[in-house]
Amino acid sequence: KSYGGNLAIKIDIAKAFDTIDWKILLKVLSAFGFCPLFCNWIHTILHSAKFSISINGKQEGYFDCSRGVRQGDPLSPLLFGLAEEVLSRGLTKLVDEGTSSNIQVLSNFFAKYAQISGQVINPQKSTIFAGSLSNDRLHFIASSIGFNIVSLIKELERYLRNFLWSGDLNTRKTVTVSWSTVCSSIDEGGL
């Protein structure tokens, strides 16, 4: 039963895989009970990573990395997910009660998380999806944390339209049939 309404937030982390701090990652692994040997293996994997850049088609040098996890490495999503658990648990702890004072400290929490993990929350791409909240309360929350308010139904329709026209949820293509026609019954020419 809902007494004050519910909301969900979608958080965009700028360059998420590239910016995760290795120290926090190793601390998280240890805190989750991974044995020291495993943590040392991960430490070795992370510190042995090197990259080169291509200038005019020619590979130049090998450079050491100091943060981030390698995209394409099968272990990276697991490591990244474990590190993000810090964010998830912190948010859960912060908003469990749902009081306005907790909502007001969200932006401070995001700043502290960025400082600890090296990951910065991108408020321009982060959104709030609200259910049964008053407009005043919703706008108070949005202004407190600096996120955009998005209608869940409209966002889902946007994903459906993008997928129908381009085969990708996030890619918009030229529309060949109006959305109202697509949503019509089959007898009326819809899908």
Protein backbone atom coordinates (compact mmCIF):
# COMPACT_ATOMS: atom_id res chain seq x y z
CA LYS A 1 0.00 0.00 0.00
CA SER A 2 1.32 3.42 -0.94
CA TYR A 3 0.81 6.39 1.38
CA GLY A 4 2.80 9.12 -0.30
CA GLY A 5 3.39 7.87 -3.81
CA ASN A 6 6.35 6.11 -5.31
CA LEU A 7 9.12 7.10 -7.61
CA ALA A 8 12.00 5.50 -9.41
CA ILE A 9 15.18 7.18 -10.52
CA LYS A 10 17.37 6.26 -13.46
CA ILE A 11 20.93 7.32 -12.79
CA ASP A 12 23.37 7.98 -15.60
CA ILE A 13 27.01 7.75 -14.63
CA ALA A 14 29.34 9.64 -16.96
CA LYS A 15 31.80 7.21 -18.58
CA ALA A 16 30.82 4.58 -16.03
CA PHE A 17 33.22 1.75 -16.94
CA ASP A 18 36.13 4.15 -17.53
CA THR A 19 35.99 6.01 -14.24
CA ILE A 20 35.56 3.42 -11.48
CA ASP A 21 38.35 3.82 -8.94
CA TRP A 22 40.36 0.62 -8.40
CA LYS A 23 40.87 1.25 -4.69
CA ILE A 24 37.13 1.35 -4.04
CA LEU A 25 36.65 -1.71 -6.25
CA LEU A 26 39.17 -3.72 -4.24
CA LYS A 27 37.68 -2.51 -0.94
CA VAL A 28 34.22 -3.59 -2.12
CA LEU A 29 35.50 -7.04 -3.07
CA SER A 30 37.05 -7.41 0.37
CA ALA A 31 33.91 -6.11 2.12
CA PHE A 32 31.80 -8.67 0.24
CA GLY A 33 33.99 -11.43 1.62
CA PHE A 34 36.13 -12.30 -1.39
CA CYS A 35 39.31 -13.98 -0.21
CA PRO A 36 42.61 -12.05 -0.30
CA LEU A 37 43.97 -14.33 -3.03
CA PHE A 38 41.06 -13.47 -5.34
CA CYS A 39 41.42 -9.75 -4.52
CA ASN A 40 45.12 -9.96 -5.39
CA TRP A 41 44.27 -11.61 -8.72
CA ILE A 42 41.87 -8.76 -9.52
CA HIS A 43 44.51 -6.24 -8.41
CA THR A 44 47.02 -7.85 -10.81
CA ILE A 45 44.52 -7.91 -13.68
CA LEU A 46 43.64 -4.25 -13.19
CA HIS A 47 47.24 -3.05 -12.82
CA SER A 48 48.51 -5.05 -15.80
CA ALA A 49 46.12 -3.30 -18.18
CA LYS A 50 47.77 -1.14 -20.83
CA PHE A 51 46.35 0.73 -23.77
CA SER A 52 47.59 2.31 -26.94
CA ILE A 53 46.13 4.96 -29.18
CA SER A 54 45.77 5.01 -32.93
CA ILE A 55 46.96 8.17 -34.69
CA ASN A 56 46.34 8.22 -38.43
CA GLY A 57 45.97 4.44 -38.38
CA LYS A 58 49.27 3.85 -36.57
CA GLN A 59 49.38 2.42 -33.03
CA GLU A 60 51.31 4.67 -30.66
CA GLY A 61 52.84 3.52 -27.38
CA TYR A 62 51.48 1.60 -24.46
CA PHE A 63 50.15 3.56 -21.52
CA ASP A 64 49.32 2.41 -18.02
CA CYS A 65 45.75 2.70 -16.77
CA SER A 66 44.90 4.00 -13.33
CA ARG A 67 41.14 3.54 -13.19
CA GLY A 68 38.23 1.90 -14.98
CA VAL A 69 37.53 -1.66 -16.02
CA ARG A 70 38.14 -2.98 -19.52
CA GLN A 71 35.07 -3.06 -21.70
CA GLY A 72 34.75 -6.40 -23.42
CA ASP A 73 36.48 -8.30 -20.63
CA PRO A 74 34.02 -10.93 -19.34
CA LEU A 75 34.97 -10.10 -15.74
CA SER A 76 34.30 -6.36 -16.10
CA PRO A 77 30.48 -6.41 -15.74
CA LEU A 78 30.77 -8.44 -12.53
CA LEU A 79 33.38 -6.12 -11.05
CA PHE A 80 31.44 -3.06 -12.11
CA GLY A 81 28.19 -4.47 -10.69
CA LEU A 82 29.82 -5.18 -7.35
CA ALA A 83 31.24 -1.67 -7.19
CA GLU A 84 27.85 -0.17 -8.07
CA GLU A 85 26.33 -2.11 -5.17
CA VAL A 86 27.84 0.59 -2.95
CA LEU A 87 25.69 3.18 -4.74
CA SER A 88 22.61 0.96 -4.62
CA ARG A 89 22.90 0.17 -0.92
CA GLY A 90 23.65 3.77 -0.05
CA LEU A 91 20.57 4.97 -1.93
CA THR A 92 18.39 2.29 -0.35
CA LYS A 93 19.56 3.24 3.12
CA LEU A 94 19.06 6.92 2.41
CA VAL A 95 15.53 6.82 1.01
CA ASP A 96 13.97 3.88 2.86
CA GLU A 97 12.01 6.26 5.06
CA GLY A 98 11.19 8.58 2.17
CA THR A 99 11.26 11.76 4.25
CA SER A 100 11.88 15.12 2.62
CA SER A 101 15.06 15.58 4.65
CA ASN A 102 16.43 12.35 3.15
CA ILE A 103 15.53 13.51 -0.34
CA GLN A 104 17.33 16.81 0.20
CA VAL A 105 20.58 15.05 1.05
CA LEU A 106 20.55 12.93 -2.13
CA SER A 107 22.65 15.43 -4.05
CA ASN A 108 25.19 15.45 -1.20
CA PHE A 109 25.23 11.66 -1.31
CA PHE A 110 25.87 11.71 -5.08
CA ALA A 111 28.75 14.17 -4.60
CA LYS A 112 30.29 12.04 -1.86
CA TYR A 113 29.86 8.88 -3.97
CA ALA A 114 31.62 10.63 -6.89
CA GLN A 115 34.49 11.65 -4.62
CA ILE A 116 34.95 8.12 -3.24
CA SER A 117 34.41 6.09 -6.43
CA GLY A 118 35.57 8.47 -9.14
CA GLN A 119 32.18 8.18 -10.82
CA VAL A 120 30.15 11.30 -11.51
CA ILE A 121 26.36 11.25 -11.70
CA ASN A 122 25.20 13.04 -14.85
CA PRO A 123 22.02 14.93 -13.82
CA GLN A 124 21.19 15.96 -17.40
CA LYS A 125 20.78 12.29 -18.38
CA SER A 126 19.39 11.05 -15.06
CA THR A 127 15.62 10.96 -14.71
CA ILE A 128 12.80 10.57 -12.20
CA PHE A 129 9.79 8.39 -12.97
CA ALA A 130 6.92 9.18 -10.62
CA GLY A 131 3.83 7.27 -9.67
CA SER A 132 0.94 8.89 -7.78
CA LEU A 133 2.96 11.80 -6.42
CA SER A 134 1.55 15.31 -6.27
CA ASN A 135 3.09 17.75 -8.74
CA ASP A 136 4.39 19.93 -5.89
CA ARG A 137 6.17 17.02 -4.23
CA LEU A 138 7.52 15.75 -7.54
CA HIS A 139 8.96 19.16 -8.47
CA PHE A 140 10.45 19.52 -4.98
CA ILE A 141 12.25 16.19 -5.39
CA ALA A 142 13.41 17.03 -8.93
CA SER A 143 14.78 20.42 -7.85
CA SER A 144 16.48 18.86 -4.80
CA ILE A 145 18.53 16.41 -6.85
CA GLY A 146 18.60 18.18 -10.23
CA PHE A 147 17.12 15.33 -12.29
CA ASN A 148 14.56 15.63 -15.08
CA ILE A 149 11.00 14.39 -14.57
CA VAL A 150 9.91 11.86 -17.19
CA SER A 151 6.58 10.13 -17.70
CA LEU A 152 7.13 6.38 -17.54
CA ILE A 153 4.43 5.74 -20.14
CA LYS A 154 5.91 8.28 -22.57
CA GLU A 155 9.42 6.89 -22.05
CA LEU A 156 8.22 3.33 -22.73
CA GLU A 157 6.40 4.51 -25.86
CA ARG A 158 9.59 6.24 -27.02
CA TYR A 159 11.54 2.99 -26.58
CA LEU A 160 8.86 1.07 -28.48
CA ARG A 161 8.87 3.58 -31.35
CA ASN A 162 12.66 3.60 -31.54
CA PHE A 163 12.81 -0.18 -31.55
CA LEU A 164 10.09 -0.48 -34.19
CA TRP A 165 11.78 1.95 -36.59
CA SER A 166 15.47 1.22 -35.94
CA GLY A 167 15.72 -2.08 -34.06
CA ASP A 168 17.50 -0.25 -31.23
CA LEU A 169 15.84 1.25 -28.14
CA ASN A 170 18.12 4.29 -28.09
CA THR A 171 18.35 5.10 -31.81
CA ARG A 172 15.77 7.29 -33.45
CA LYS A 173 15.10 6.87 -37.19
CA THR A 174 12.77 8.43 -39.73
CA VAL A 175 9.14 7.53 -39.10
CA THR A 176 7.34 5.92 -42.03
CA VAL A 177 3.93 5.40 -40.40
CA SER A 178 2.29 7.51 -37.69
CA TRP A 179 2.30 6.11 -34.16
CA SER A 180 -1.50 6.34 -33.97
CA THR A 181 -1.72 4.10 -37.07
CA VAL A 182 0.72 1.60 -35.54
CA CYS A 183 -1.41 1.50 -32.37
CA SER A 184 -4.65 0.96 -34.30
CA SER A 185 -6.27 -2.44 -34.53
CA ILE A 186 -5.09 -4.82 -37.25
CA ASP A 187 -8.41 -4.31 -39.07
CA GLU A 188 -7.63 -0.58 -39.24
CA GLY A 189 -4.07 -1.09 -40.53
CA GLY A 190 -2.21 -1.18 -37.22
CA LEU A 191 0.17 -3.75 -35.83
